[in-house]
Amino acid sequence: MGAHNDFGKTGEQMAVDYLVKDGYSIKRRNYRYLKGEIDIIAQKGEILAIVEVKSRSVDFLQDIGDTITKKKIKLLVRTADHYVVSRDLDVEVRFDLFIILKDKGGFTMEHIENAFYHF
């Protein structure tokens, strides 16, 4: 596995650890449906958070917003809908972004709730 894949997995684990400490229960990781994949599905109360994790090195930093395309949002919405409907859940669904940046000093993290809305 490449170093970038290792960093991605480390980033996802950091996001999971953060969410658990913040009171979320982790329902699924890397949930797939058709061509879509949700990095983390977490729940806190009646809110189901669909969390997209973006791990980047500051050396290769780009505008993170550019990575969340309309196509990506469509895949996330369809995959989240499948998860909710197949389990007959009655929850509010929210789409979050978790950003992890790595530099020589370590990591910085940011959890953005309601980072984007479905169309």
PDB file of N, CA and C in Angstrom:
ATOM      1  N   MET A   1       0.848  -1.172   0.000  1.00  0.00           N
ATOM      2  CA  MET A   1       0.000   0.000   0.000  1.00  0.00           C
ATOM      3  C   MET A   1       0.896   1.238   0.000  1.00  0.00           C
ATOM      4  N   GLY A   2       0.528   2.243  -0.780  1.00  0.00           N
ATOM      5  CA  GLY A   2       1.331   3.451  -0.879  1.00  0.00           C
ATOM      6  C   GLY A   2       1.253   4.300   0.374  1.00  0.00           C
ATOM      7  N   ALA A   3       2.235   5.172   0.529  1.00  0.00           N
ATOM      8  CA  ALA A   3       2.278   6.052   1.700  1.00  0.00           C
ATOM      9  C   ALA A   3       1.051   6.951   1.760  1.00  0.00           C
ATOM     10  N   HIS A   4       0.553   7.399   0.588  1.00  0.00           N
ATOM     11  CA  HIS A   4      -0.633   8.258   0.589  1.00  0.00           C
ATOM     12  C   HIS A   4      -1.855   7.491   1.092  1.00  0.00           C
ATOM     13  N   ASN A   5      -1.941   6.186   0.791  1.00  0.00           N
ATOM     14  CA  ASN A   5      -3.044   5.374   1.305  1.00  0.00           C
ATOM     15  C   ASN A   5      -2.946   5.208   2.813  1.00  0.00           C
ATOM     16  N   ASP A   6      -1.709   5.008   3.309  1.00  0.00           N
ATOM     17  CA  ASP A   6      -1.501   4.900   4.753  1.00  0.00           C
ATOM     18  C   ASP A   6      -1.928   6.184   5.450  1.00  0.00           C
ATOM     19  N   PHE A   7      -1.563   7.325   4.872  1.00  0.00           N
ATOM     20  CA  PHE A   7      -1.931   8.610   5.457  1.00  0.00           C
ATOM     21  C   PHE A   7      -3.445   8.789   5.443  1.00  0.00           C
ATOM     22  N   GLY A   8      -4.094   8.354   4.370  1.00  0.00           N
ATOM     23  CA  GLY A   8      -5.549   8.432   4.302  1.00  0.00           C
ATOM     24  C   GLY A   8      -6.214   7.608   5.387  1.00  0.00           C
ATOM     25  N   LYS A   9      -5.725   6.400   5.609  1.00  0.00           N
ATOM     26  CA  LYS A   9      -6.268   5.537   6.669  1.00  0.00           C
ATOM     27  C   LYS A   9      -6.004   6.142   8.041  1.00  0.00           C
ATOM     28  N   THR A  10      -4.807   6.700   8.228  1.00  0.00           N
ATOM     29  CA  THR A  10      -4.483   7.362   9.498  1.00  0.00           C
ATOM     30  C   THR A  10      -5.425   8.540   9.720  1.00  0.00           C
ATOM     31  N   GLY A  11      -5.674   9.319   8.672  1.00  0.00           N
ATOM     32  CA  GLY A  11      -6.583  10.453   8.760  1.00  0.00           C
ATOM     33  C   GLY A  11      -7.991  10.022   9.139  1.00  0.00           C
ATOM     34  N   GLU A  12      -8.467   8.947   8.527  1.00  0.00           N
ATOM     35  CA  GLU A  12      -9.806   8.449   8.866  1.00  0.00           C
ATOM     36  C   GLU A  12      -9.868   8.012  10.322  1.00  0.00           C
ATOM     37  N   GLN A  13      -8.814   7.350  10.800  1.00  0.00           N
ATOM     38  CA  GLN A  13      -8.802   6.917  12.196  1.00  0.00           C
ATOM     39  C   GLN A  13      -8.768   8.113  13.147  1.00  0.00           C
ATOM     40  N   MET A  14      -8.039   9.151  12.783  1.00  0.00           N
ATOM     41  CA  MET A  14      -8.013  10.368  13.597  1.00  0.00           C
ATOM     42  C   MET A  14      -9.401  10.998  13.656  1.00  0.00           C
ATOM     43  N   ALA A  15     -10.092  10.998  12.531  1.00  0.00           N
ATOM     44  CA  ALA A  15     -11.449  11.547  12.491  1.00  0.00           C
ATOM     45  C   ALA A  15     -12.384  10.715  13.365  1.00  0.00           C
ATOM     46  N   VAL A  16     -12.284   9.397  13.288  1.00  0.00           N
ATOM     47  CA  VAL A  16     -13.110   8.516  14.118  1.00  0.00           C
ATOM     48  C   VAL A  16     -12.847   8.800  15.595  1.00  0.00           C
ATOM     49  N   ASP A  17     -11.579   8.873  15.976  1.00  0.00           N
ATOM     50  CA  ASP A  17     -11.227   9.125  17.376  1.00  0.00           C
ATOM     51  C   ASP A  17     -11.807  10.451  17.859  1.00  0.00           C
ATOM     52  N   TYR A  18     -11.709  11.470  17.031  1.00  0.00           N
ATOM     53  CA  TYR A  18     -12.248  12.788  17.364  1.00  0.00           C
ATOM     54  C   TYR A  18     -13.769  12.723  17.550  1.00  0.00           C
ATOM     55  N   LEU A  19     -14.446  12.077  16.594  1.00  0.00           N
ATOM     56  CA  LEU A  19     -15.905  11.995  16.651  1.00  0.00           C
ATOM     57  C   LEU A  19     -16.374  11.230  17.887  1.00  0.00           C
ATOM     58  N   VAL A  20     -15.709  10.135  18.210  1.00  0.00           N
ATOM     59  CA  VAL A  20     -16.082   9.352  19.392  1.00  0.00           C
ATOM     60  C   VAL A  20     -15.919  10.198  20.651  1.00  0.00           C
ATOM     61  N   LYS A  21     -14.821  10.937  20.753  1.00  0.00           N
ATOM     62  CA  LYS A  21     -14.603  11.808  21.914  1.00  0.00           C
ATOM     63  C   LYS A  21     -15.655  12.901  21.997  1.00  0.00           C
ATOM     64  N   ASP A  22     -16.217  13.282  20.833  1.00  0.00           N
ATOM     65  CA  ASP A  22     -17.241  14.325  20.786  1.00  0.00           C
ATOM     66  C   ASP A  22     -18.654  13.762  20.974  1.00  0.00           C
ATOM     67  N   GLY A  23     -18.759  12.481  21.302  1.00  0.00           N
ATOM     68  CA  GLY A  23     -20.062  11.909  21.622  1.00  0.00           C
ATOM     69  C   GLY A  23     -20.782  11.185  20.503  1.00  0.00           C
ATOM     70  N   TYR A  24     -20.137  11.015  19.369  1.00  0.00           N
ATOM     71  CA  TYR A  24     -20.745  10.283  18.258  1.00  0.00           C
ATOM     72  C   TYR A  24     -20.518   8.783  18.432  1.00  0.00           C
ATOM     73  N   SER A  25     -21.453   8.005  17.933  1.00  0.00           N
ATOM     74  CA  SER A  25     -21.207   6.566  17.807  1.00  0.00           C
ATOM     75  C   SER A  25     -20.946   6.295  16.328  1.00  0.00           C
ATOM     76  N   ILE A  26     -19.946   5.499  16.075  1.00  0.00           N
ATOM     77  CA  ILE A  26     -19.579   5.188  14.693  1.00  0.00           C
ATOM     78  C   ILE A  26     -20.414   4.002  14.233  1.00  0.00           C
ATOM     79  N   LYS A  27     -21.200   4.216  13.201  1.00  0.00           N
ATOM     80  CA  LYS A  27     -22.081   3.174  12.676  1.00  0.00           C
ATOM     81  C   LYS A  27     -21.383   2.335  11.614  1.00  0.00           C
ATOM     82  N   ARG A  28     -20.650   2.981  10.726  1.00  0.00           N
ATOM     83  CA  ARG A  28     -19.943   2.263   9.645  1.00  0.00           C
ATOM     84  C   ARG A  28     -18.767   3.090   9.173  1.00  0.00           C
ATOM     85  N   ARG A  29     -17.790   2.380   8.640  1.00  0.00           N
ATOM     86  CA  ARG A  29     -16.661   3.014   7.972  1.00  0.00           C
ATOM     87  C   ARG A  29     -16.572   2.434   6.572  1.00  0.00           C
ATOM     88  N   ASN A  30     -16.228   3.281   5.618  1.00  0.00           N
ATOM     89  CA  ASN A  30     -16.045   2.867   4.222  1.00  0.00           C
ATOM     90  C   ASN A  30     -17.259   2.102   3.691  1.00  0.00           C
ATOM     91  N   TYR A  31     -18.433   2.679   3.905  1.00  0.00           N
ATOM     92  CA  TYR A  31     -19.680   2.072   3.430  1.00  0.00           C
ATOM     93  C   TYR A  31     -19.810   2.318   1.932  1.00  0.00           C
ATOM     94  N   ARG A  32     -20.019   1.235   1.197  1.00  0.00           N
ATOM     95  CA  ARG A  32     -20.104   1.320  -0.264  1.00  0.00           C
ATOM     96  C   ARG A  32     -21.495   0.936  -0.767  1.00  0.00           C
ATOM     97  N   TYR A  33     -21.905   1.661  -1.794  1.00  0.00           N
ATOM     98  CA  TYR A  33     -23.125   1.331  -2.523  1.00  0.00           C
ATOM     99  C   TYR A  33     -22.915   1.790  -3.962  1.00  0.00           C
ATOM    100  N   LEU A  34     -23.061   0.856  -4.884  1.00  0.00           N
ATOM    101  CA  LEU A  34     -22.776   1.105  -6.292  1.00  0.00           C
ATOM    102  C   LEU A  34     -21.394   1.753  -6.418  1.00  0.00           C
ATOM    103  N   LYS A  35     -21.312   2.956  -6.982  1.00  0.00           N
ATOM    104  CA  LYS A  35     -20.008   3.602  -7.163  1.00  0.00           C
ATOM    105  C   LYS A  35     -19.654   4.566  -6.031  1.00  0.00           C
ATOM    106  N   GLY A  36     -20.531   4.674  -5.041  1.00  0.00           N
ATOM    107  CA  GLY A  36     -20.305   5.616  -3.951  1.00  0.00           C
ATOM    108  C   GLY A  36     -19.666   4.972  -2.741  1.00  0.00           C
ATOM    109  N   GLU A  37     -18.936   5.782  -1.989  1.00  0.00           N
ATOM    110  CA  GLU A  37     -18.363   5.327  -0.728  1.00  0.00           C
ATOM    111  C   GLU A  37     -18.423   6.460   0.287  1.00  0.00           C
ATOM    112  N   ILE A  38     -18.873   6.125   1.486  1.00  0.00           N
ATOM    113  CA  ILE A  38     -18.899   7.070   2.597  1.00  0.00           C
ATOM    114  C   ILE A  38     -17.764   6.683   3.534  1.00  0.00           C
ATOM    115  N   ASP A  39     -16.906   7.647   3.855  1.00  0.00           N
ATOM    116  CA  ASP A  39     -15.772   7.357   4.725  1.00  0.00           C
ATOM    117  C   ASP A  39     -16.228   6.943   6.116  1.00  0.00           C
ATOM    118  N   ILE A  40     -17.101   7.752   6.723  1.00  0.00           N
ATOM    119  CA  ILE A  40     -17.575   7.480   8.085  1.00  0.00           C
ATOM    120  C   ILE A  40     -19.057   7.818   8.170  1.00  0.00           C
ATOM    121  N   ILE A  41     -19.809   6.925   8.773  1.00  0.00           N
ATOM    122  CA  ILE A  41     -21.199   7.197   9.136  1.00  0.00           C
ATOM    123  C   ILE A  41     -21.231   7.203  10.658  1.00  0.00           C
ATOM    124  N   ALA A  42     -21.596   8.357  11.217  1.00  0.00           N
ATOM    125  CA  ALA A  42     -21.594   8.522  12.668  1.00  0.00           C
ATOM    126  C   ALA A  42     -22.940   9.089  13.113  1.00  0.00           C
ATOM    127  N   GLN A  43     -23.337   8.767  14.334  1.00  0.00           N
ATOM    128  CA  GLN A  43     -24.615   9.254  14.841  1.00  0.00           C
ATOM    129  C   GLN A  43     -24.439   9.866  16.220  1.00  0.00           C
ATOM    130  N   LYS A  44     -25.125  10.994  16.388  1.00  0.00           N
ATOM    131  CA  LYS A  44     -25.172  11.671  17.681  1.00  0.00           C
ATOM    132  C   LYS A  44     -26.608  12.120  17.862  1.00  0.00           C
ATOM    133  N   GLY A  45     -27.295  11.496  18.797  1.00  0.00           N
ATOM    134  CA  GLY A  45     -28.715  11.785  18.963  1.00  0.00           C
ATOM    135  C   GLY A  45     -29.478  11.338  17.732  1.00  0.00           C
ATOM    136  N   GLU A  46     -30.297  12.230  17.213  1.00  0.00           N
ATOM    137  CA  GLU A  46     -31.106  11.913  16.035  1.00  0.00           C
ATOM    138  C   GLU A  46     -30.452  12.380  14.737  1.00  0.00           C
ATOM    139  N   ILE A  47     -29.182  12.753  14.814  1.00  0.00           N
ATOM    140  CA  ILE A  47     -28.475  13.227  13.618  1.00  0.00           C
ATOM    141  C   ILE A  47     -27.505  12.160  13.138  1.00  0.00           C
ATOM    142  N   LEU A  48     -27.651  11.801  11.874  1.00  0.00           N
ATOM    143  CA  LEU A  48     -26.733  10.872  11.230  1.00  0.00           C
ATOM    144  C   LEU A  48     -25.785  11.714  10.380  1.00  0.00           C
ATOM    145  N   ALA A  49     -24.507  11.687  10.739  1.00  0.00           N
ATOM    146  CA  ALA A  49     -23.506  12.475  10.018  1.00  0.00           C
ATOM    147  C   ALA A  49     -22.817  11.599   8.987  1.00  0.00           C
ATOM    148  N   ILE A  50     -22.880  12.031   7.745  1.00  0.00           N
ATOM    149  CA  ILE A  50     -22.159  11.402   6.649  1.00  0.00           C
ATOM    150  C   ILE A  50     -20.874  12.208   6.510  1.00  0.00           C
ATOM    151  N   VAL A  51     -19.753  11.583   6.862  1.00  0.00           N
ATOM    152  CA  VAL A  51     -18.501  12.327   6.991  1.00  0.00           C
ATOM    153  C   VAL A  51     -17.530  11.957   5.881  1.00  0.00           C
ATOM    154  N   GLU A  52     -17.136  12.961   5.132  1.00  0.00           N
ATOM    155  CA  GLU A  52     -16.108  12.821   4.102  1.00  0.00           C
ATOM    156  C   GLU A  52     -14.803  13.313   4.720  1.00  0.00           C
ATOM    157  N   VAL A  53     -13.779  12.474   4.697  1.00  0.00           N
ATOM    158  CA  VAL A  53     -12.488  12.815   5.292  1.00  0.00           C
ATOM    159  C   VAL A  53     -11.500  13.162   4.178  1.00  0.00           C
ATOM    160  N   LYS A  54     -10.838  14.307   4.328  1.00  0.00           N
ATOM    161  CA  LYS A  54      -9.814  14.735   3.384  1.00  0.00           C
ATOM    162  C   LYS A  54      -8.519  14.924   4.159  1.00  0.00           C
ATOM    163  N   SER A  55      -7.539  14.088   3.879  1.00  0.00           N
ATOM    164  CA  SER A  55      -6.223  14.167   4.514  1.00  0.00           C
ATOM    165  C   SER A  55      -5.237  14.676   3.477  1.00  0.00           C
ATOM    166  N   ARG A  56      -4.528  15.722   3.830  1.00  0.00           N
ATOM    167  CA  ARG A  56      -3.591  16.329   2.887  1.00  0.00           C
ATOM    168  C   ARG A  56      -2.313  16.734   3.600  1.00  0.00           C
ATOM    169  N   SER A  57      -1.233  16.671   2.860  1.00  0.00           N
ATOM    170  CA  SER A  57       0.033  17.224   3.310  1.00  0.00           C
ATOM    171  C   SER A  57       0.031  18.690   2.920  1.00  0.00           C
ATOM    172  N   VAL A  58       0.549  19.538   3.763  1.00  0.00           N
ATOM    173  CA  VAL A  58       0.591  20.959   3.446  1.00  0.00           C
ATOM    174  C   VAL A  58       1.385  21.184   2.159  1.00  0.00           C
ATOM    175  N   ASP A  59       2.366  20.319   1.889  1.00  0.00           N
ATOM    176  CA  ASP A  59       3.151  20.428   0.658  1.00  0.00           C
ATOM    177  C   ASP A  59       2.297  20.256  -0.595  1.00  0.00           C
ATOM    178  N   PHE A  60       1.223  19.500  -0.478  1.00  0.00           N
ATOM    179  CA  PHE A  60       0.368  19.212  -1.631  1.00  0.00           C
ATOM    180  C   PHE A  60      -1.035  19.773  -1.436  1.00  0.00           C
ATOM    181  N   LEU A  61      -1.121  20.832  -0.680  1.00  0.00           N
ATOM    182  CA  LEU A  61      -2.415  21.419  -0.350  1.00  0.00           C
ATOM    183  C   LEU A  61      -3.046  22.051  -1.585  1.00  0.00           C
ATOM    184  N   GLN A  62      -4.297  21.716  -1.761  1.00  0.00           N
ATOM    185  CA  GLN A  62      -5.094  22.367  -2.793  1.00  0.00           C
ATOM    186  C   GLN A  62      -6.355  22.845  -2.106  1.00  0.00           C
ATOM    187  N   ASP A  63      -7.179  23.548  -2.827  1.00  0.00           N
ATOM    188  CA  ASP A  63      -8.442  23.978  -2.244  1.00  0.00           C
ATOM    189  C   ASP A  63      -9.290  22.741  -2.000  1.00  0.00           C
ATOM    190  N   ILE A  64      -9.491  22.403  -0.746  1.00  0.00           N
ATOM    191  CA  ILE A  64     -10.237  21.192  -0.379  1.00  0.00           C
ATOM    192  C   ILE A  64     -11.633  21.225  -0.992  1.00  0.00           C
ATOM    193  N   GLY A  65     -12.213  22.409  -1.081  1.00  0.00           N
ATOM    194  CA  GLY A  65     -13.549  22.528  -1.655  1.00  0.00           C
ATOM    195  C   GLY A  65     -13.622  22.022  -3.086  1.00  0.00           C
ATOM    196  N   ASP A  66     -12.509  22.095  -3.796  1.00  0.00           N
ATOM    197  CA  ASP A  66     -12.486  21.617  -5.179  1.00  0.00           C
ATOM    198  C   ASP A  66     -12.609  20.099  -5.270  1.00  0.00           C
ATOM    199  N   THR A  67     -12.338  19.399  -4.174  1.00  0.00           N
ATOM    200  CA  THR A  67     -12.413  17.940  -4.200  1.00  0.00           C
ATOM    201  C   THR A  67     -13.836  17.431  -3.972  1.00  0.00           C
ATOM    202  N   ILE A  68     -14.731  18.306  -3.515  1.00  0.00           N
ATOM    203  CA  ILE A  68     -16.129  17.919  -3.292  1.00  0.00           C
ATOM    204  C   ILE A  68     -16.932  18.425  -4.484  1.00  0.00           C
ATOM    205  N   THR A  69     -16.933  17.652  -5.540  1.00  0.00           N
ATOM    206  CA  THR A  69     -17.605  18.037  -6.781  1.00  0.00           C
ATOM    207  C   THR A  69     -19.096  17.689  -6.718  1.00  0.00           C
ATOM    208  N   LYS A  70     -19.845  18.184  -7.671  1.00  0.00           N
ATOM    209  CA  LYS A  70     -21.271  17.834  -7.750  1.00  0.00           C
ATOM    210  C   LYS A  70     -21.437  16.324  -7.918  1.00  0.00           C
ATOM    211  N   LYS A  71     -20.556  15.724  -8.689  1.00  0.00           N
ATOM    212  CA  LYS A  71     -20.616  14.269  -8.880  1.00  0.00           C
ATOM    213  C   LYS A  71     -20.374  13.543  -7.561  1.00  0.00           C
ATOM    214  N   LYS A  72     -19.381  13.992  -6.792  1.00  0.00           N
ATOM    215  CA  LYS A  72     -19.090  13.379  -5.498  1.00  0.00           C
ATOM    216  C   LYS A  72     -20.274  13.524  -4.552  1.00  0.00           C
ATOM    217  N   ILE A  73     -20.877  14.710  -4.526  1.00  0.00           N
ATOM    218  CA  ILE A  73     -22.045  14.937  -3.675  1.00  0.00           C
ATOM    219  C   ILE A  73     -23.181  14.016  -4.080  1.00  0.00           C
ATOM    220  N   LYS A  74     -23.411  13.866  -5.373  1.00  0.00           N
ATOM    221  CA  LYS A  74     -24.473  12.986  -5.858  1.00  0.00           C
ATOM    222  C   LYS A  74     -24.235  11.545  -5.399  1.00  0.00           C
ATOM    223  N   LEU A  75     -22.993  11.075  -5.495  1.00  0.00           N
ATOM    224  CA  LEU A  75     -22.672   9.716  -5.044  1.00  0.00           C
ATOM    225  C   LEU A  75     -22.864   9.572  -3.531  1.00  0.00           C
ATOM    226  N   LEU A  76     -22.432  10.582  -2.768  1.00  0.00           N
ATOM    227  CA  LEU A  76     -22.606  10.529  -1.314  1.00  0.00           C
ATOM    228  C   LEU A  76     -24.078  10.510  -0.928  1.00  0.00           C
ATOM    229  N   VAL A  77     -24.884  11.333  -1.588  1.00  0.00           N
ATOM    230  CA  VAL A  77     -26.316  11.393  -1.288  1.00  0.00           C
ATOM    231  C   VAL A  77     -26.982  10.060  -1.607  1.00  0.00           C
ATOM    232  N   ARG A  78     -26.671   9.488  -2.765  1.00  0.00           N
ATOM    233  CA  ARG A  78     -27.275   8.208  -3.147  1.00  0.00           C
ATOM    234  C   ARG A  78     -26.857   7.101  -2.171  1.00  0.00           C
ATOM    235  N   THR A  79     -25.605   7.095  -1.774  1.00  0.00           N
ATOM    236  CA  THR A  79     -25.107   6.076  -0.858  1.00  0.00           C
ATOM    237  C   THR A  79     -25.708   6.265   0.526  1.00  0.00           C
ATOM    238  N   ALA A  80     -25.801   7.505   0.984  1.00  0.00           N
ATOM    239  CA  ALA A  80     -26.425   7.783   2.285  1.00  0.00           C
ATOM    240  C   ALA A  80     -27.894   7.393   2.267  1.00  0.00           C
ATOM    241  N   ASP A  81     -28.582   7.705   1.180  1.00  0.00           N
ATOM    242  CA  ASP A  81     -29.993   7.346   1.050  1.00  0.00           C
ATOM    243  C   ASP A  81     -30.163   5.828   1.133  1.00  0.00           C
ATOM    244  N   HIS A  82     -29.302   5.093   0.468  1.00  0.00           N
ATOM    245  CA  HIS A  82     -29.368   3.633   0.525  1.00  0.00           C
ATOM    246  C   HIS A  82     -29.177   3.137   1.955  1.00  0.00           C
ATOM    247  N   TYR A  83     -28.212   3.698   2.651  1.00  0.00           N
ATOM    248  CA  TYR A  83     -27.952   3.292   4.037  1.00  0.00           C
ATOM    249  C   TYR A  83     -29.178   3.535   4.918  1.00  0.00           C
ATOM    250  N   VAL A  84     -29.753   4.721   4.822  1.00  0.00           N
ATOM    251  CA  VAL A  84     -30.893   5.093   5.668  1.00  0.00           C
ATOM    252  C   VAL A  84     -32.129   4.256   5.329  1.00  0.00           C
ATOM    253  N   VAL A  85     -32.444   4.131   4.053  1.00  0.00           N
ATOM    254  CA  VAL A  85     -33.645   3.403   3.626  1.00  0.00           C
ATOM    255  C   VAL A  85     -33.517   1.911   3.928  1.00  0.00           C
ATOM    256  N   SER A  86     -32.349   1.339   3.677  1.00  0.00           N
ATOM    257  CA  SER A  86     -32.180  -0.101   3.888  1.00  0.00           C
ATOM    258  C   SER A  86     -32.253  -0.483   5.368  1.00  0.00           C
ATOM    259  N   ARG A  87     -32.080   0.490   6.248  1.00  0.00           N
ATOM    260  CA  ARG A  87     -32.155   0.230   7.686  1.00  0.00           C
ATOM    261  C   ARG A  87     -33.411   0.826   8.316  1.00  0.00           C
ATOM    262  N   ASP A  88     -34.253   1.426   7.475  1.00  0.00           N
ATOM    263  CA  ASP A  88     -35.508   2.034   7.915  1.00  0.00           C
ATOM    264  C   ASP A  88     -35.277   2.996   9.080  1.00  0.00           C
ATOM    265  N   LEU A  89     -34.298   3.876   8.905  1.00  0.00           N
ATOM    266  CA  LEU A  89     -33.947   4.833   9.951  1.00  0.00           C
ATOM    267  C   LEU A  89     -34.798   6.092   9.848  1.00  0.00           C
ATOM    268  N   ASP A  90     -35.112   6.667  10.990  1.00  0.00           N
ATOM    269  CA  ASP A  90     -35.825   7.937  11.049  1.00  0.00           C
ATOM    270  C   ASP A  90     -34.895   8.943  11.719  1.00  0.00           C
ATOM    271  N   VAL A  91     -33.994   9.513  10.912  1.00  0.00           N
ATOM    272  CA  VAL A  91     -32.972  10.426  11.419  1.00  0.00           C
ATOM    273  C   VAL A  91     -32.821  11.609  10.475  1.00  0.00           C
ATOM    274  N   GLU A  92     -32.247  12.666  11.013  1.00  0.00           N
ATOM    275  CA  GLU A  92     -31.856  13.796  10.173  1.00  0.00           C
ATOM    276  C   GLU A  92     -30.460  13.480   9.639  1.00  0.00           C
ATOM    277  N   VAL A  93     -30.272  13.654   8.338  1.00  0.00           N
ATOM    278  CA  VAL A  93     -28.976  13.355   7.726  1.00  0.00           C
ATOM    279  C   VAL A  93     -28.250  14.667   7.453  1.00  0.00           C
ATOM    280  N   ARG A  94     -26.990  14.672   7.847  1.00  0.00           N
ATOM    281  CA  ARG A  94     -26.152  15.851   7.675  1.00  0.00           C
ATOM    282  C   ARG A  94     -24.864  15.425   6.978  1.00  0.00           C
ATOM    283  N   PHE A  95     -24.336  16.262   6.097  1.00  0.00           N
ATOM    284  CA  PHE A  95     -23.107  15.965   5.368  1.00  0.00           C
ATOM    285  C   PHE A  95     -21.980  16.841   5.914  1.00  0.00           C
ATOM    286  N   ASP A  96     -20.978  16.183   6.500  1.00  0.00           N
ATOM    287  CA  ASP A  96     -19.858  16.869   7.134  1.00  0.00           C
ATOM    288  C   ASP A  96     -18.572  16.633   6.363  1.00  0.00           C
ATOM    289  N   LEU A  97     -17.624  17.510   6.597  1.00  0.00           N
ATOM    290  CA  LEU A  97     -16.286  17.378   6.039  1.00  0.00           C
ATOM    291  C   LEU A  97     -15.295  17.420   7.189  1.00  0.00           C
ATOM    292  N   PHE A  98     -14.370  16.490   7.181  1.00  0.00           N
ATOM    293  CA  PHE A  98     -13.332  16.447   8.199  1.00  0.00           C
ATOM    294  C   PHE A  98     -12.002  16.610   7.480  1.00  0.00           C
ATOM    295  N   ILE A  99     -11.296  17.689   7.792  1.00  0.00           N
ATOM    296  CA  ILE A  99     -10.037  18.002   7.117  1.00  0.00           C
ATOM    297  C   ILE A  99      -8.875  17.752   8.066  1.00  0.00           C
ATOM    298  N   ILE A 100      -7.884  17.030   7.577  1.00  0.00           N
ATOM    299  CA  ILE A 100      -6.678  16.767   8.339  1.00  0.00           C
ATOM    300  C   ILE A 100      -5.494  17.222   7.498  1.00  0.00           C
ATOM    301  N   LEU A 101      -4.727  18.151   8.051  1.00  0.00           N
ATOM    302  CA  LEU A 101      -3.546  18.664   7.363  1.00  0.00           C
ATOM    303  C   LEU A 101      -2.305  18.239   8.130  1.00  0.00           C
ATOM    304  N   LYS A 102      -1.328  17.771   7.381  1.00  0.00           N
ATOM    305  CA  LYS A 102      -0.071  17.311   7.974  1.00  0.00           C
ATOM    306  C   LYS A 102       1.058  18.227   7.524  1.00  0.00           C
ATOM    307  N   ASP A 103       1.829  18.678   8.498  1.00  0.00           N
ATOM    308  CA  ASP A 103       3.037  19.424   8.171  1.00  0.00           C
ATOM    309  C   ASP A 103       4.157  18.938   9.079  1.00  0.00           C
ATOM    310  N   LYS A 104       5.297  19.598   9.033  1.00  0.00           N
ATOM    311  CA  LYS A 104       6.445  19.142   9.824  1.00  0.00           C
ATOM    312  C   LYS A 104       6.177  19.183  11.318  1.00  0.00           C
ATOM    313  N   GLY A 105       5.252  20.026  11.745  1.00  0.00           N
ATOM    314  CA  GLY A 105       4.929  20.154  13.174  1.00  0.00           C
ATOM    315  C   GLY A 105       3.893  19.169  13.661  1.00  0.00           C
ATOM    316  N   GLY A 106       3.303  18.414  12.781  1.00  0.00           N
ATOM    317  CA  GLY A 106       2.274  17.453  13.181  1.00  0.00           C
ATOM    318  C   GLY A 106       1.012  17.603  12.347  1.00  0.00           C
ATOM    319  N   PHE A 107      -0.126  17.456  13.009  1.00  0.00           N
ATOM    320  CA  PHE A 107      -1.414  17.464  12.331  1.00  0.00           C
ATOM    321  C   PHE A 107      -2.303  18.578  12.871  1.00  0.00           C
ATOM    322  N   THR A 108      -3.135  19.115  11.989  1.00  0.00           N
ATOM    323  CA  THR A 108      -4.232  19.978  12.412  1.00  0.00           C
ATOM    324  C   THR A 108      -5.507  19.369  11.845  1.00  0.00           C
ATOM    325  N   MET A 109      -6.584  19.485  12.611  1.00  0.00           N
ATOM    326  CA  MET A 109      -7.852  18.883  12.201  1.00  0.00           C
ATOM    327  C   MET A 109      -8.963  19.925  12.287  1.00  0.00           C
ATOM    328  N   GLU A 110      -9.938  19.781  11.406  1.00  0.00           N
ATOM    329  CA  GLU A 110     -11.113  20.635  11.441  1.00  0.00           C
ATOM    330  C   GLU A 110     -12.331  19.811  11.027  1.00  0.00           C
ATOM    331  N   HIS A 111     -13.363  19.854  11.854  1.00  0.00           N
ATOM    332  CA  HIS A 111     -14.627  19.173  11.568  1.00  0.00           C
ATOM    333  C   HIS A 111     -15.627  20.247  11.169  1.00  0.00           C
ATOM    334  N   ILE A 112     -16.079  20.182   9.930  1.00  0.00           N
ATOM    335  CA  ILE A 112     -17.038  21.168   9.414  1.00  0.00           C
ATOM    336  C   ILE A 112     -18.391  20.487   9.284  1.00  0.00           C
ATOM    337  N   GLU A 113     -19.312  20.842  10.173  1.00  0.00           N
ATOM    338  CA  GLU A 113     -20.662  20.290  10.109  1.00  0.00           C
ATOM    339  C   GLU A 113     -21.436  21.007   9.006  1.00  0.00           C
ATOM    340  N   ASN A 114     -22.356  20.275   8.351  1.00  0.00           N
ATOM    341  CA  ASN A 114     -23.144  20.840   7.257  1.00  0.00           C
ATOM    342  C   ASN A 114     -22.240  21.499   6.213  1.00  0.00           C
ATOM    343  N   ALA A 115     -21.193  20.783   5.843  1.00  0.00           N
ATOM    344  CA  ALA A 115     -20.197  21.336   4.917  1.00  0.00           C
ATOM    345  C   ALA A 115     -20.767  21.547   3.523  1.00  0.00           C
ATOM    346  N   PHE A 116     -21.718  20.724   3.150  1.00  0.00           N
ATOM    347  CA  PHE A 116     -22.358  20.898   1.856  1.00  0.00           C
ATOM    348  C   PHE A 116     -23.761  20.309   1.928  1.00  0.00           C
ATOM    349  N   TYR A 117     -24.565  20.717   1.002  1.00  0.00           N
ATOM    350  CA  TYR A 117     -25.953  20.273   0.941  1.00  0.00           C
ATOM    351  C   TYR A 117     -26.189  19.514  -0.337  1.00  0.00           C
ATOM    352  N   HIS A 118     -27.100  18.585  -0.274  1.00  0.00           N
ATOM    353  CA  HIS A 118     -27.428  17.840  -1.489  1.00  0.00           C
ATOM    354  C   HIS A 118     -28.260  18.730  -2.409  1.00  0.00           C
ATOM    355  N   PHE A 119     -28.212  18.426  -3.666  1.00  0.00           N
ATOM    356  CA  PHE A 119     -28.913  19.231  -4.678  1.00  0.00           C
ATOM    357  C   PHE A 119     -30.249  18.630  -4.983  1.00  0.00           C
TER     358      PHE A 119
END
